[in-house]
Amino acid sequence: MSSQNPSFLYPQVDNSNPDAPTSSSSSSSSSNLYPSIEKDVAENLFPEDDFVSLTHQDSQEQLLLKVPGAIVHLIERETSVELACGELSIVSLRQGGNIVAVFARVGDDIQWPLAKDEPVVKLDTSHYFFTLRVPSSGSFEEGKDSKQTEEVLNYGLTIAAKGQEGLLKELDRVLESYSCFSLQEVKGIGNWGVVDTRNVAPEELEREEKRELIVGSSMAYWTTLAPNVEDYSGSIARAIASGSGYVVKGILWCGDVTVDRLNWGNEFLRKRMKPGSTAEISPGAFKRMKRVKKLTKMSDKMIRFATRLK
């Protein structure tokens, strides 16, 4: 029996013509053992889009700190402009376990990047200002070149500091880690009529009447200090433009407020607090407000692209 059907035990191999094409049955059986991989299937095993998404799978936004009771103004000599009021958040963008960018934001209204070559100055427990360099023309996305001029934006941050001493120490630590942070002081303001926000609690901003008083006082504070802030930030911009950006901390801050400017500030505050008062915004301030919006959109776009948010 076995001699009559040896193929049951030992499969027959036909070597009479190795170059001859195999029969349909043999090709069918071989395909069952070793399935062929067509070109499009092979390419789809590792599609290019998967590699792109893999580069973003590790990208995530991480909250570093939240501080309630924050007000941000665009600092201007004539009239500083309120940009946002709410909770200050410092967030990092992490990729592959590394922090690739850090942003500050207040509510959903404004956001800006922090960087080691962008100064942040603390004037007292509840007042900080941020100096940001942006392209003076064209798109933020076009990149910088040697011929492109830059414009300086100064953001004044006021914080209702009462009861937040621990959080503000942590804020200083974060700013020192991710920006060009320094401590300065303002002199000659003994008779200033602005509200001392060091004695204001964050929840007081929730009351409309109190909020209006504090925001108006903050506007007067930053408008009065605008010449000092602009002189300082202008010196920084010139130092960076000349290639001396790493000596930013060596630039002197002139914190003396003249008697005339202080009197002007008190008069500005008095007019601002009148019922129905309105503040005139200069054409230059309007132009810089557009830069502020572009900077916020650019920062948001960067985070959304990196984290693949829709």
Protein backbone atom coordinates (compact mmCIF):
# COMPACT_ATOMS: atom_id res chain seq x y z
CA MET A 1 0.00 0.00 0.00
CA SER A 2 2.72 2.39 0.92
CA SER A 3 4.70 1.58 -2.23
CA GLN A 4 1.72 2.44 -4.39
CA ASN A 5 1.16 5.88 -2.82
CA PRO A 6 4.54 7.21 -1.73
CA SER A 7 3.38 10.80 -2.20
CA PHE A 8 1.38 10.58 0.99
CA LEU A 9 4.63 10.24 2.91
CA TYR A 10 7.12 12.09 0.72
CA PRO A 11 5.84 14.84 -1.54
CA GLN A 12 7.17 14.54 -5.08
CA VAL A 13 9.36 17.35 -6.47
CA ASP A 14 9.57 17.67 -10.24
CA ASN A 15 13.13 18.66 -11.24
CA SER A 16 12.81 17.82 -14.90
CA ASN A 17 12.75 21.52 -15.91
CA PRO A 18 13.46 23.93 -13.10
CA ASP A 19 13.10 26.94 -15.43
CA ALA A 20 9.64 25.99 -16.53
CA PRO A 21 6.76 27.96 -15.05
CA THR A 22 4.97 26.27 -12.22
CA SER A 23 1.47 25.00 -12.64
CA SER A 24 -1.48 26.87 -11.29
CA SER A 25 -1.91 24.30 -8.57
CA SER A 26 1.68 24.61 -7.36
CA SER A 27 1.54 28.40 -7.42
CA SER A 28 -1.66 28.26 -5.49
CA SER A 29 -0.18 26.00 -2.85
CA SER A 30 2.97 28.08 -2.57
CA SER A 31 0.92 31.22 -2.15
CA ASN A 32 -0.83 29.57 0.74
CA LEU A 33 2.50 28.93 2.42
CA TYR A 34 4.21 32.26 1.55
CA PRO A 35 1.64 34.94 0.76
CA SER A 36 2.82 37.57 -1.71
CA ILE A 37 2.92 41.19 -0.57
CA GLU A 38 1.77 43.61 -3.19
CA LYS A 39 3.47 47.01 -3.54
CA ASP A 40 0.60 49.11 -2.24
CA VAL A 41 0.17 46.84 0.77
CA ALA A 42 3.86 47.06 1.59
CA GLU A 43 3.79 50.82 1.37
CA ASN A 44 0.78 50.99 3.65
CA LEU A 45 2.46 48.98 6.38
CA PHE A 46 4.34 52.16 7.38
CA PRO A 47 2.49 55.06 5.76
CA GLU A 48 4.20 58.43 5.88
CA ASP A 49 1.32 59.95 7.82
CA ASP A 50 1.93 57.48 10.64
CA PHE A 51 5.49 58.76 11.00
CA VAL A 52 4.19 62.31 11.14
CA SER A 53 1.67 61.40 13.81
CA LEU A 54 4.30 59.50 15.76
CA THR A 55 6.36 62.67 16.02
CA HIS A 56 3.38 64.28 17.72
CA GLN A 57 2.23 61.44 19.93
CA ASP A 58 4.64 62.53 22.64
CA SER A 59 3.74 66.22 22.25
CA GLN A 60 1.54 67.48 25.02
CA GLU A 61 0.68 70.66 26.83
CA GLN A 62 1.47 70.61 30.54
CA LEU A 63 0.22 73.13 33.08
CA LEU A 64 3.07 74.49 35.20
CA LEU A 65 1.20 77.06 37.30
CA LYS A 66 -2.11 78.87 37.69
CA VAL A 67 -2.50 82.23 39.43
CA PRO A 68 -5.98 83.78 39.74
CA GLY A 69 -6.68 87.50 39.76
CA ALA A 70 -4.49 88.63 36.86
CA ILE A 71 -4.88 91.71 34.64
CA VAL A 72 -2.77 92.34 31.52
CA HIS A 73 -2.30 95.73 29.84
CA LEU A 74 -0.50 96.74 26.69
CA ILE A 75 1.76 99.46 28.09
CA GLU A 76 1.38 102.78 26.24
CA ARG A 77 2.48 106.34 27.08
CA GLU A 78 -0.89 107.94 26.34
CA THR A 79 -3.27 105.25 27.54
CA SER A 80 -2.40 101.66 28.39
CA VAL A 81 -4.91 99.18 26.97
CA GLU A 82 -6.51 96.34 28.94
CA LEU A 83 -5.93 93.08 27.09
CA ALA A 84 -7.32 90.47 29.48
CA CYS A 85 -8.50 89.85 33.02
CA GLY A 86 -8.74 86.42 34.61
CA GLU A 87 -6.55 83.51 35.58
CA LEU A 88 -2.87 83.51 34.60
CA SER A 89 -1.63 80.13 33.35
CA ILE A 90 1.94 79.15 32.57
CA VAL A 91 2.04 76.08 30.31
CA SER A 92 4.83 74.11 28.71
CA LEU A 93 4.88 72.23 25.43
CA ARG A 94 6.66 68.92 25.92
CA GLN A 95 7.94 66.67 23.16
CA GLY A 96 9.82 63.45 23.69
CA GLY A 97 10.18 64.24 27.39
CA ASN A 98 11.75 67.66 26.71
CA ILE A 99 10.22 71.11 27.13
CA VAL A 100 10.36 72.78 23.71
CA ALA A 101 8.34 75.94 24.47
CA VAL A 102 6.67 77.75 27.37
CA PHE A 103 3.70 80.11 27.13
CA ALA A 104 1.87 82.51 29.41
CA ARG A 105 -1.86 83.08 28.93
CA VAL A 106 -4.65 84.90 30.69
CA GLY A 107 -8.05 83.33 30.23
CA ASP A 108 -8.87 82.67 26.59
CA ASP A 109 -8.02 86.20 25.47
CA ILE A 110 -4.25 86.47 25.25
CA GLN A 111 -1.19 84.22 25.04
CA TRP A 112 2.50 84.86 24.50
CA PRO A 113 5.75 82.87 24.57
CA LEU A 114 8.43 82.98 27.24
CA ALA A 115 12.07 82.74 26.22
CA LYS A 116 15.50 83.14 27.73
CA ASP A 117 16.22 86.18 25.55
CA GLU A 118 12.89 87.88 26.36
CA PRO A 119 13.03 89.95 29.58
CA VAL A 120 10.53 89.70 32.39
CA VAL A 121 10.87 92.32 35.13
CA LYS A 122 9.25 92.13 38.55
CA LEU A 123 8.69 95.57 40.09
CA ASP A 124 6.93 94.51 43.30
CA THR A 125 4.79 91.68 44.66
CA SER A 126 1.94 92.29 42.23
CA HIS A 127 3.49 93.98 39.16
CA TYR A 128 5.53 92.42 36.34
CA PHE A 129 6.19 93.47 32.79
CA PHE A 130 7.14 91.37 29.77
CA THR A 131 9.13 92.70 26.81
CA LEU A 132 8.43 90.92 23.52
CA ARG A 133 10.04 91.46 20.13
CA VAL A 134 7.82 90.88 17.08
CA PRO A 135 8.24 91.57 13.34
CA SER A 136 7.29 95.16 12.56
CA SER A 137 5.92 94.12 9.17
CA GLY A 138 4.86 90.96 7.38
CA SER A 139 3.78 87.68 8.89
CA PHE A 140 5.02 86.10 12.10
CA GLU A 141 5.40 82.85 10.16
CA GLU A 142 7.80 84.22 7.54
CA GLY A 143 10.70 83.89 9.97
CA LYS A 144 13.40 86.39 10.74
CA ASP A 145 16.08 87.61 8.42
CA SER A 146 18.91 90.07 8.80
CA LYS A 147 16.95 92.87 7.08
CA GLN A 148 13.70 92.46 8.96
CA THR A 149 12.98 95.12 11.55
CA GLU A 150 11.35 94.33 14.87
CA GLU A 151 8.88 96.10 17.09
CA VAL A 152 8.73 95.89 20.86
CA LEU A 153 5.53 95.08 22.76
CA ASN A 154 5.41 95.60 26.52
CA TYR A 155 2.81 93.70 28.56
CA GLY A 156 2.08 94.89 32.09
CA LEU A 157 0.84 92.15 34.42
CA THR A 158 -1.00 93.12 37.61
CA ILE A 159 -1.94 90.43 40.14
CA ALA A 160 -4.33 90.67 43.06
CA ALA A 161 -1.69 89.35 45.43
CA LYS A 162 -3.41 89.10 48.81
CA GLY A 163 -3.33 85.49 50.06
CA GLN A 164 -1.24 84.32 47.10
CA GLU A 165 2.25 84.73 48.50
CA GLY A 166 3.15 81.07 47.97
CA LEU A 167 1.85 81.01 44.39
CA LEU A 168 3.75 84.17 43.52
CA LYS A 169 7.01 82.72 44.82
CA GLU A 170 6.40 79.75 42.55
CA LEU A 171 5.63 82.13 39.67
CA ASP A 172 8.99 83.82 40.21
CA ARG A 173 10.72 80.45 40.14
CA VAL A 174 9.02 79.47 36.87
CA LEU A 175 9.80 82.81 35.24
CA GLU A 176 13.42 82.57 36.34
CA SER A 177 13.64 79.14 34.71
CA TYR A 178 12.07 80.02 31.38
CA SER A 179 12.69 83.74 30.77
CA CYS A 180 15.29 86.46 31.32
CA PHE A 181 13.93 87.30 34.76
CA SER A 182 15.08 90.17 36.98
CA LEU A 183 13.95 92.08 40.06
CA GLN A 184 13.72 95.87 39.95
CA GLU A 185 11.86 98.55 41.88
CA VAL A 186 9.97 101.77 41.29
CA LYS A 187 11.03 104.83 43.28
CA GLY A 188 9.36 108.12 44.10
CA ILE A 189 5.76 106.90 44.30
CA GLY A 190 5.00 107.65 47.93
CA ASN A 191 2.02 109.91 47.14
CA TRP A 192 0.59 107.82 44.35
CA GLY A 193 -3.18 107.38 44.38
CA VAL A 194 -3.37 103.99 42.65
CA VAL A 195 -4.89 100.98 44.40
CA ASP A 196 -2.27 98.86 46.12
CA THR A 197 -3.06 95.47 44.56
CA ARG A 198 -0.78 93.78 47.08
CA ASN A 199 -3.73 94.18 49.46
CA VAL A 200 -6.39 93.01 47.00
CA ALA A 201 -7.62 89.40 46.96
CA PRO A 202 -8.44 87.67 43.62
CA GLU A 203 -12.13 87.22 44.51
CA GLU A 204 -12.54 90.99 44.76
CA LEU A 205 -12.20 91.16 40.97
CA GLU A 206 -15.44 89.22 40.69
CA ARG A 207 -17.40 92.24 41.94
CA GLU A 208 -18.04 94.57 39.01
CA GLU A 209 -17.60 97.83 40.89
CA LYS A 210 -14.38 96.68 42.56
CA ARG A 211 -13.07 95.22 39.32
CA GLU A 212 -13.55 98.52 37.48
CA LEU A 213 -11.64 100.36 40.19
CA ILE A 214 -8.73 97.90 40.18
CA VAL A 215 -8.49 97.69 36.37
CA GLY A 216 -8.60 101.49 36.06
CA SER A 217 -5.95 101.86 38.73
CA SER A 218 -3.79 99.27 36.97
CA MET A 219 -4.19 101.16 33.70
CA ALA A 220 -2.99 104.35 35.42
CA TYR A 221 -0.04 102.48 36.97
CA TRP A 222 1.28 101.15 33.66
CA THR A 223 0.57 104.34 31.73
CA THR A 224 2.50 106.38 34.29
CA LEU A 225 5.44 103.95 34.15
CA ALA A 226 5.36 103.65 30.34
CA PRO A 227 8.36 105.98 29.75
CA ASN A 228 10.52 103.96 32.16
CA VAL A 229 9.41 100.65 30.65
CA GLU A 230 9.92 101.86 27.07
CA ASP A 231 13.41 103.19 27.80
CA TYR A 232 14.39 99.85 29.33
CA SER A 233 12.86 97.68 26.59
CA GLY A 234 14.32 99.95 23.90
CA SER A 235 17.80 99.47 25.34
CA ILE A 236 17.25 95.72 25.31
CA ALA A 237 16.10 95.74 21.70
CA ARG A 238 19.17 97.72 20.64
CA ALA A 239 21.49 95.38 22.57
CA ILE A 240 19.98 92.30 20.94
CA ALA A 241 20.07 93.90 17.48
CA SER A 242 23.78 94.59 17.94
CA GLY A 243 24.43 90.97 18.87
CA SER A 244 24.72 91.60 22.60
CA GLY A 245 21.52 89.80 23.54
CA TYR A 246 23.16 87.71 26.23
CA VAL A 247 23.96 90.73 28.40
CA VAL A 248 20.31 91.73 28.77
CA LYS A 249 20.47 91.42 32.54
CA GLY A 250 23.24 94.00 32.60
CA ILE A 251 21.03 96.74 31.18
CA LEU A 252 20.15 99.32 33.82
CA TRP A 253 16.56 99.90 34.81
CA CYS A 254 15.67 103.50 35.65
CA GLY A 255 12.86 103.16 38.16
CA ASP A 256 12.68 106.81 39.21
CA VAL A 257 9.30 108.39 38.49
CA THR A 258 9.50 112.16 38.16
CA VAL A 259 7.19 114.38 40.18
CA ASP A 260 5.63 115.70 36.97
CA ARG A 261 4.93 112.19 35.69
CA LEU A 262 3.49 111.15 39.04
CA ASN A 263 1.17 114.16 39.07
CA TRP A 264 0.19 113.34 35.50
CA GLY A 265 -0.57 109.77 36.58
CA ASN A 266 -2.77 110.90 39.46
CA GLU A 267 -4.69 113.21 37.12
CA PHE A 268 -5.04 110.40 34.58
CA LEU A 269 -6.45 108.14 37.29
CA ARG A 270 -8.88 110.80 38.48
CA LYS A 271 -10.27 111.28 34.96
CA ARG A 272 -10.36 107.53 34.35
CA MET A 273 -12.48 106.97 37.44
CA LYS A 274 -15.16 109.47 36.44
CA PRO A 275 -18.48 107.81 35.52
CA GLY A 276 -18.84 107.42 31.77
CA SER A 277 -15.22 108.27 31.07
CA THR A 278 -13.64 106.89 27.90
CA ALA A 279 -9.99 106.46 27.00
CA GLU A 280 -8.63 107.51 23.63
CA ILE A 281 -6.36 104.98 21.96
CA SER A 282 -3.66 106.30 19.64
CA PRO A 283 -3.18 104.96 16.09
CA GLY A 284 0.15 103.50 17.17
CA ALA A 285 -1.53 101.62 20.00
CA PHE A 286 -4.13 100.23 17.57
CA LYS A 287 -1.33 98.95 15.37
CA ARG A 288 0.38 97.28 18.30
CA MET A 289 -2.93 95.74 19.42
CA LYS A 290 -3.06 94.00 16.03
CA ARG A 291 0.42 92.65 16.73
CA VAL A 292 -0.82 91.38 20.08
CA LYS A 293 -3.64 89.46 18.37
CA LYS A 294 -1.25 87.99 15.81
CA LEU A 295 1.14 86.90 18.54
CA THR A 296 -1.70 85.19 20.41
CA LYS A 297 -2.88 83.40 17.24
CA MET A 298 0.66 82.31 16.38
CA SER A 299 1.23 80.91 19.88
CA ASP A 300 -2.09 79.06 19.80
CA LYS A 301 -1.38 77.68 16.32
CA MET A 302 2.01 76.39 17.45
CA ILE A 303 0.47 74.51 20.37
CA ARG A 304 -2.39 73.10 18.29
CA PHE A 305 -0.07 71.88 15.55
CA ALA A 306 2.31 70.23 17.99
CA THR A 307 -0.44 68.51 19.98
CA ARG A 308 -2.64 67.80 16.95
CA LEU A 309 -5.65 69.60 18.43
CA LYS A 310 -8.48 70.43 16.05
